[in-house]
Amino acid sequence: MAQSNDSIKKILTVAFALCIVCSVIVSTAAVALRPMQMLNEELDRKTNVLRVAGLYERGIDVEAAFAEITPRVVDMRTGEYTDEFDPETFDHFQAARDPATGRTLSGGRDIAGLSRVENFATVYLVGDDPDNPEQLIVPIRGQGLWGLMRGYMAIEGDGNTIVGITYYEHSETPGLGAEVNNPRWQAQWEGKQIFADQESLTPAIRVARGTGTGEHEVDGLSGATLTANGVTNMLHFWLSPEGFGEYLAKFRAGIDPEEAQEADVELESEGA
C-alpha cells in the first residue's frame, strides 16, 4: 500500500535530503569564497594601517599606498626584530594561543583582560627608510564594556609621540563607547606623549574622566566610563614592557632595533 505524502517517514526523508543538499551548497560556497574573503581581510588590514598613519584617502590604490610601509615581526620580550616569522603571513592571534609563541597572563599583569598574549607581533614601519622610520604602527587590543576591542596606534619615529589611533573591531554601545571611532575624538590623540620622560617604561597616556588636560590625556567618553577605562588599560598594557615597551624604548633612546640586534650579535661574537 502506497504511503501518504503526509506520512512521517516521507517528511523525515525529504527533510534529511534537503539538509544534505543545503549543507553541500553552503560548504561549497564557503570553500569557493574563502580566497575572496582572505583578500578582503588583507585589504581591510592594509586600509586600517594606512588610515591610522594618516595616509588613507577615499579612492586611493591601497596596494600602491601600502608600498610605503614595511611590516616586521618584533620579539616583544627583547624589543628586537626577528626573521623567524614571515610578517606577511604571521598571525599574532594564533601565536597567542600557541604555548611556544605565547604566554598566559593573570592578576595585575592582565590589565587589558586578555588571559593570553603573543610574544611576537607584526609592526608596520612608515617611510622610505625602514631603519629610520617616520612612524611605527603597533596593534592594540583589550576588553571594552561589551567585548574585545581591536585596533592600531601610530607613533612617530621618536617612539613617544602619538600620530593616531583607530579601532577596526569592537562591540561598544552606539553613541557612547562606540565614539572611539568618532573622528573628532580620535583627532585628540595626535601629538600626545606616551611617556612622561625618556627613561620611563610606564605609559602616562590615558583617557581622562571629563576633559583631558596636558600632553598625556585625551577627553573622556561621555557616558562610557568603562569603555574609556578599557582604552587606557589596553594602552598601558601594550605600550609597557609587557607589550611594545622595550621596542619603543630603543627608538626613544635613538637606537634602531636592527642596529641594536646587530650590535648584540657582534658583542656575543667578541665574547666567544
Protein backbone atom coordinates (compact mmCIF):
# COMPACT_ATOMS: atom_id res chain seq x y z
CA MET A 1 0.00 0.00 0.00
CA ALA A 2 1.49 3.38 -1.02
CA GLN A 3 2.40 5.71 1.77
CA SER A 4 0.62 9.03 2.08
CA ASN A 5 2.66 12.11 1.19
CA ASP A 6 1.92 13.29 4.72
CA SER A 7 3.49 10.24 6.37
CA ILE A 8 6.16 10.91 8.99
CA LYS A 9 8.66 8.69 7.13
CA LYS A 10 8.36 10.69 3.88
CA ILE A 11 8.51 14.00 5.71
CA LEU A 12 11.69 12.99 7.54
CA THR A 13 13.25 11.62 4.35
CA VAL A 14 12.59 14.84 2.45
CA ALA A 15 13.81 16.97 5.35
CA PHE A 16 17.01 14.90 5.66
CA ALA A 17 17.68 15.09 1.91
CA LEU A 18 17.07 18.85 1.96
CA CYS A 19 19.53 19.25 4.84
CA ILE A 20 22.19 17.28 2.95
CA VAL A 21 21.72 19.35 -0.20
CA CYS A 22 21.81 22.64 1.73
CA SER A 23 24.93 21.64 3.69
CA VAL A 24 26.72 20.69 0.47
CA ILE A 25 25.78 24.02 -1.13
CA VAL A 26 26.90 26.03 1.94
CA SER A 27 30.17 24.10 2.26
CA THR A 28 30.94 24.52 -1.44
CA ALA A 29 30.20 28.23 -1.28
CA ALA A 30 32.36 28.66 1.82
CA VAL A 31 35.32 26.91 0.18
CA ALA A 32 34.87 28.80 -3.09
CA LEU A 33 34.54 32.19 -1.38
CA ARG A 34 37.34 31.73 1.14
CA PRO A 35 40.10 33.13 -1.13
CA MET A 36 37.97 36.23 -1.75
CA GLN A 37 37.32 36.58 1.98
CA MET A 38 41.04 36.37 2.69
CA LEU A 39 41.76 39.06 0.08
CA ASN A 40 39.10 41.31 1.62
CA GLU A 41 40.53 40.75 5.11
CA GLU A 42 44.00 41.64 3.84
CA LEU A 43 42.69 44.75 2.10
CA ASP A 44 40.85 45.79 5.27
CA ARG A 45 44.02 45.33 7.35
CA LYS A 46 46.08 47.46 4.99
CA THR A 47 43.36 50.10 4.82
CA ASN A 48 43.26 50.40 8.61
CA VAL A 49 47.04 50.65 8.83
CA LEU A 50 47.03 53.41 6.22
CA ARG A 51 44.16 55.16 7.98
CA VAL A 52 45.85 55.31 11.38
CA ALA A 53 49.03 56.58 9.72
CA GLY A 54 47.05 59.39 8.08
CA LEU A 55 47.85 58.05 4.60
CA TYR A 56 44.39 56.88 3.56
CA GLU A 57 42.13 58.82 1.22
CA ARG A 58 38.92 57.63 -0.38
CA GLY A 59 39.56 56.14 -3.81
CA ILE A 60 43.30 55.61 -3.44
CA ASP A 61 45.08 52.48 -4.63
CA VAL A 62 45.54 50.76 -1.26
CA GLU A 63 48.19 48.35 -2.52
CA ALA A 64 50.25 51.16 -4.04
CA ALA A 65 49.98 53.32 -0.91
CA PHE A 66 50.89 50.36 1.30
CA ALA A 67 54.17 50.03 -0.62
CA GLU A 68 55.48 52.83 1.62
CA ILE A 69 55.01 50.61 4.65
CA THR A 70 57.34 47.81 5.76
CA PRO A 71 55.96 45.10 8.08
CA ARG A 72 58.38 43.48 10.54
CA VAL A 73 57.89 40.94 13.30
CA VAL A 74 59.13 42.04 16.74
CA ASP A 75 60.04 39.87 19.70
CA MET A 76 58.35 41.93 22.41
CA ARG A 77 60.45 40.36 25.14
CA THR A 78 63.63 41.91 23.73
CA GLY A 79 62.28 44.70 21.53
CA GLU A 80 64.26 43.36 18.57
CA TYR A 81 63.16 42.27 15.12
CA THR A 82 63.11 38.58 14.28
CA ASP A 83 63.27 36.81 10.93
CA GLU A 84 61.81 33.64 12.42
CA PHE A 85 58.38 34.52 11.02
CA ASP A 86 57.14 35.97 7.74
CA PRO A 87 55.44 39.32 8.58
CA GLU A 88 53.14 38.95 5.56
CA THR A 89 51.57 35.77 6.92
CA PHE A 90 52.28 35.87 10.68
CA ASP A 91 49.10 35.59 12.77
CA HIS A 92 49.66 37.01 16.25
CA PHE A 93 46.24 35.81 17.42
CA GLN A 94 47.25 32.24 16.63
CA ALA A 95 50.64 32.89 18.22
CA ALA A 96 48.93 33.89 21.46
CA ARG A 97 47.17 30.51 21.62
CA ASP A 98 50.35 28.52 20.92
CA PRO A 99 52.35 27.72 24.10
CA ALA A 100 55.56 28.01 22.06
CA THR A 101 54.89 31.59 20.97
CA GLY A 102 52.51 32.95 23.61
CA ARG A 103 52.10 33.26 27.36
CA THR A 104 49.38 33.27 29.99
CA LEU A 105 48.57 36.41 31.96
CA SER A 106 46.91 36.62 35.35
CA GLY A 107 46.18 39.05 38.15
CA GLY A 108 47.61 42.54 37.88
CA ARG A 109 49.56 41.66 34.74
CA ASP A 110 46.36 41.19 32.75
CA ILE A 111 45.06 44.75 32.92
CA ALA A 112 43.72 44.52 29.35
CA GLY A 113 41.66 41.40 30.15
CA LEU A 114 43.29 39.15 27.53
CA SER A 115 44.23 36.00 29.51
CA ARG A 116 46.82 35.03 26.88
CA VAL A 117 49.05 37.13 24.62
CA GLU A 118 51.67 36.55 21.96
CA ASN A 119 55.42 37.04 22.44
CA PHE A 120 55.78 38.19 18.82
CA ALA A 121 53.78 40.75 16.86
CA THR A 122 53.85 42.46 13.48
CA VAL A 123 54.64 46.17 13.47
CA TYR A 124 54.47 48.48 10.46
CA LEU A 125 57.22 50.96 9.60
CA VAL A 126 56.20 54.00 7.58
CA GLY A 127 58.68 55.76 5.31
CA ASP A 128 61.28 55.14 2.64
CA ASP A 129 63.92 54.03 5.15
CA PRO A 130 62.75 51.20 7.45
CA ASP A 131 65.90 51.66 9.53
CA ASN A 132 64.81 55.21 10.32
CA PRO A 133 61.00 55.14 10.05
CA GLU A 134 58.80 58.20 10.16
CA GLN A 135 56.12 56.25 12.06
CA LEU A 136 55.74 52.97 13.95
CA ILE A 137 52.33 51.32 13.84
CA VAL A 138 51.54 48.74 16.52
CA PRO A 139 48.45 46.56 17.02
CA ILE A 140 46.47 47.02 20.23
CA ARG A 141 43.54 45.17 21.78
CA GLY A 142 41.75 44.79 25.09
CA GLN A 143 38.38 44.45 26.76
CA GLY A 144 35.85 47.25 26.48
CA LEU A 145 32.41 47.24 28.06
CA TRP A 146 30.84 44.53 25.87
CA GLY A 147 33.78 42.69 24.40
CA LEU A 148 37.19 42.78 22.81
CA MET A 149 38.31 45.96 21.05
CA ARG A 150 40.96 45.63 18.34
CA GLY A 151 42.83 48.44 16.66
CA TYR A 152 46.11 50.14 15.81
CA MET A 153 48.14 53.01 17.20
CA ALA A 154 50.56 55.03 15.08
CA ILE A 155 53.58 56.53 16.83
CA GLU A 156 56.21 58.90 15.45
CA GLY A 157 59.73 57.62 14.91
CA ASP A 158 60.73 59.07 18.29
CA GLY A 159 58.87 56.18 19.93
CA ASN A 160 56.84 58.55 22.11
CA THR A 161 54.63 60.95 20.12
CA ILE A 162 51.24 59.63 19.04
CA VAL A 163 50.14 60.11 15.45
CA GLY A 164 46.73 58.46 15.67
CA ILE A 165 44.56 55.64 16.95
CA THR A 166 41.84 53.59 15.28
CA TYR A 167 39.64 50.59 16.08
CA TYR A 168 38.58 48.17 13.37
CA GLU A 169 36.57 45.85 15.62
CA HIS A 170 34.51 46.49 18.75
CA SER A 171 31.02 45.94 20.14
CA GLU A 172 30.67 49.12 22.19
CA THR A 173 27.35 50.97 22.56
CA PRO A 174 26.47 53.27 19.62
CA GLY A 175 26.58 56.91 20.67
CA LEU A 176 28.55 56.08 23.83
CA GLY A 177 31.52 53.69 23.79
CA ALA A 178 31.38 53.47 20.01
CA GLU A 179 32.62 57.07 19.98
CA VAL A 180 36.12 55.54 19.98
CA ASN A 181 35.69 55.66 16.20
CA ASN A 182 34.45 59.25 16.10
CA PRO A 183 36.99 61.22 14.02
CA ARG A 184 36.69 64.21 16.38
CA TRP A 185 37.65 62.08 19.39
CA GLN A 186 40.43 60.29 17.51
CA ALA A 187 41.87 63.64 16.38
CA GLN A 188 42.70 64.48 20.01
CA TRP A 189 45.36 61.78 20.13
CA GLU A 190 47.63 63.43 17.60
CA GLY A 191 50.70 64.90 19.29
CA LYS A 192 50.02 63.37 22.71
CA GLN A 193 53.00 61.89 24.55
CA ILE A 194 53.01 58.27 25.71
CA PHE A 195 55.70 58.53 28.38
CA ALA A 196 56.38 61.23 30.93
CA ASP A 197 60.15 61.13 30.34
CA GLN A 198 62.76 59.38 28.22
CA GLU A 199 63.73 56.81 30.85
CA SER A 200 60.26 55.74 31.94
CA LEU A 201 58.86 52.39 30.81
CA THR A 202 55.45 53.12 32.36
CA PRO A 203 53.00 54.77 29.94
CA ALA A 204 51.47 58.03 31.15
CA ILE A 205 48.92 58.38 28.32
CA ARG A 206 45.31 57.94 29.43
CA VAL A 207 41.69 58.75 28.70
CA ALA A 208 40.56 61.33 31.26
CA ARG A 209 37.35 61.38 33.24
CA GLY A 210 35.98 64.53 31.72
CA THR A 211 38.14 66.98 29.82
CA GLY A 212 41.69 65.86 29.15
CA THR A 213 44.47 68.23 30.15
CA GLY A 214 48.14 68.26 29.30
CA GLU A 215 50.13 66.17 26.85
CA HIS A 216 49.24 62.79 28.36
CA GLU A 217 45.41 62.95 28.38
CA VAL A 218 42.54 62.97 25.91
CA ASP A 219 38.90 63.79 26.67
CA GLY A 220 36.80 61.08 28.26
CA LEU A 221 33.87 59.40 26.56
CA SER A 222 30.62 60.81 27.97
CA GLY A 223 28.50 58.04 29.47
CA ALA A 224 31.09 55.38 28.58
CA THR A 225 33.48 55.26 31.53
CA LEU A 226 34.09 51.51 31.24
CA THR A 227 34.98 51.79 27.57
CA ALA A 228 37.32 54.69 28.34
CA ASN A 229 38.95 52.66 31.11
CA GLY A 230 39.33 49.79 28.65
CA VAL A 231 41.18 52.05 26.21
CA THR A 232 43.52 53.28 28.95
CA ASN A 233 44.15 49.76 30.23
CA MET A 234 44.95 48.30 26.82
CA LEU A 235 47.36 51.14 26.05
CA HIS A 236 49.06 50.76 29.43
CA PHE A 237 49.50 47.08 28.63
CA TRP A 238 50.67 47.24 25.02
CA LEU A 239 52.92 50.29 25.49
CA SER A 240 54.56 48.83 28.61
CA PRO A 241 57.32 46.17 28.76
CA GLU A 242 54.55 43.54 28.67
CA GLY A 243 53.90 44.69 25.10
CA PHE A 244 55.93 47.04 22.91
CA GLY A 245 57.64 48.96 25.71
CA GLU A 246 61.11 47.51 25.10
CA TYR A 247 60.77 48.08 21.36
CA LEU A 248 59.69 51.71 21.75
CA ALA A 249 62.45 52.35 24.30
CA LYS A 250 65.10 51.75 21.64
CA PHE A 251 63.64 54.46 19.42
CA ARG A 252 63.31 56.83 22.35
CA ALA A 253 66.98 56.29 23.08
CA GLY A 254 67.84 56.93 19.43
CA ILE A 255 68.75 53.29 18.79
CA ASP A 256 67.28 51.42 15.84
CA PRO A 257 66.26 47.86 16.85
CA GLU A 258 68.00 46.45 13.76
CA GLU A 259 71.27 48.15 14.70
CA ALA A 260 70.84 47.11 18.33
CA GLN A 261 70.36 43.48 17.27
CA GLU A 262 73.49 43.59 15.07
CA ALA A 263 75.46 45.16 17.93
CA ASP A 264 74.35 42.39 20.28
CA VAL A 265 75.49 39.76 17.78
CA GLU A 266 78.89 41.45 17.44
CA LEU A 267 79.32 41.60 21.21
CA GLU A 268 78.43 37.92 21.52
CA SER A 269 80.97 37.07 18.79
CA GLU A 270 83.69 39.07 20.52
CA GLY A 271 82.89 37.39 23.81
CA ALA A 272 83.19 33.99 22.18
